[in-house]
Amino acid sequence: MTGLADGSGVVVALATCPDEATALALARTLVDERLAACVNVAGRVRSIYRWKGAVEEADERLLVIKARADRMESLAARLAELHPYDVPELLAFPVELGLGPYLEWVHAEGG
């Protein structure tokens, strides 16, 4: 097995969706349009957050998005366009290290 490689140029991004149907549709679109190499749709998460001065709670689905850093601007624009929230969550974290073949695959498939 090939060892670890520099992960520069790859990000892991997190986003939440109000329900499974929205999460699956967004995940499929991001992958179909080559804005992400892979999107994991995680099960129900309980979110507690402040919105417009009040503390809210909601069941959501978590998206874990693996993408090339140079596609994040387009990915963010597409997510904002399709997402039902007024202010969708999208946080991206640079990958420091990863399995070499996996990082190569993200670069090849993520746009």
Foldseek 3Di string as FASTA:
>chain_A
DADKDFQAQKKKKKWKAQDDVLVVVLQCVQQVVLQFVGKDWADWDWDWDDDPRDIDIGIIIMITTMAGPVSVVVSVVVCCVSGPDPDIDMDIDGDGMDGVVVSVSRVVRND
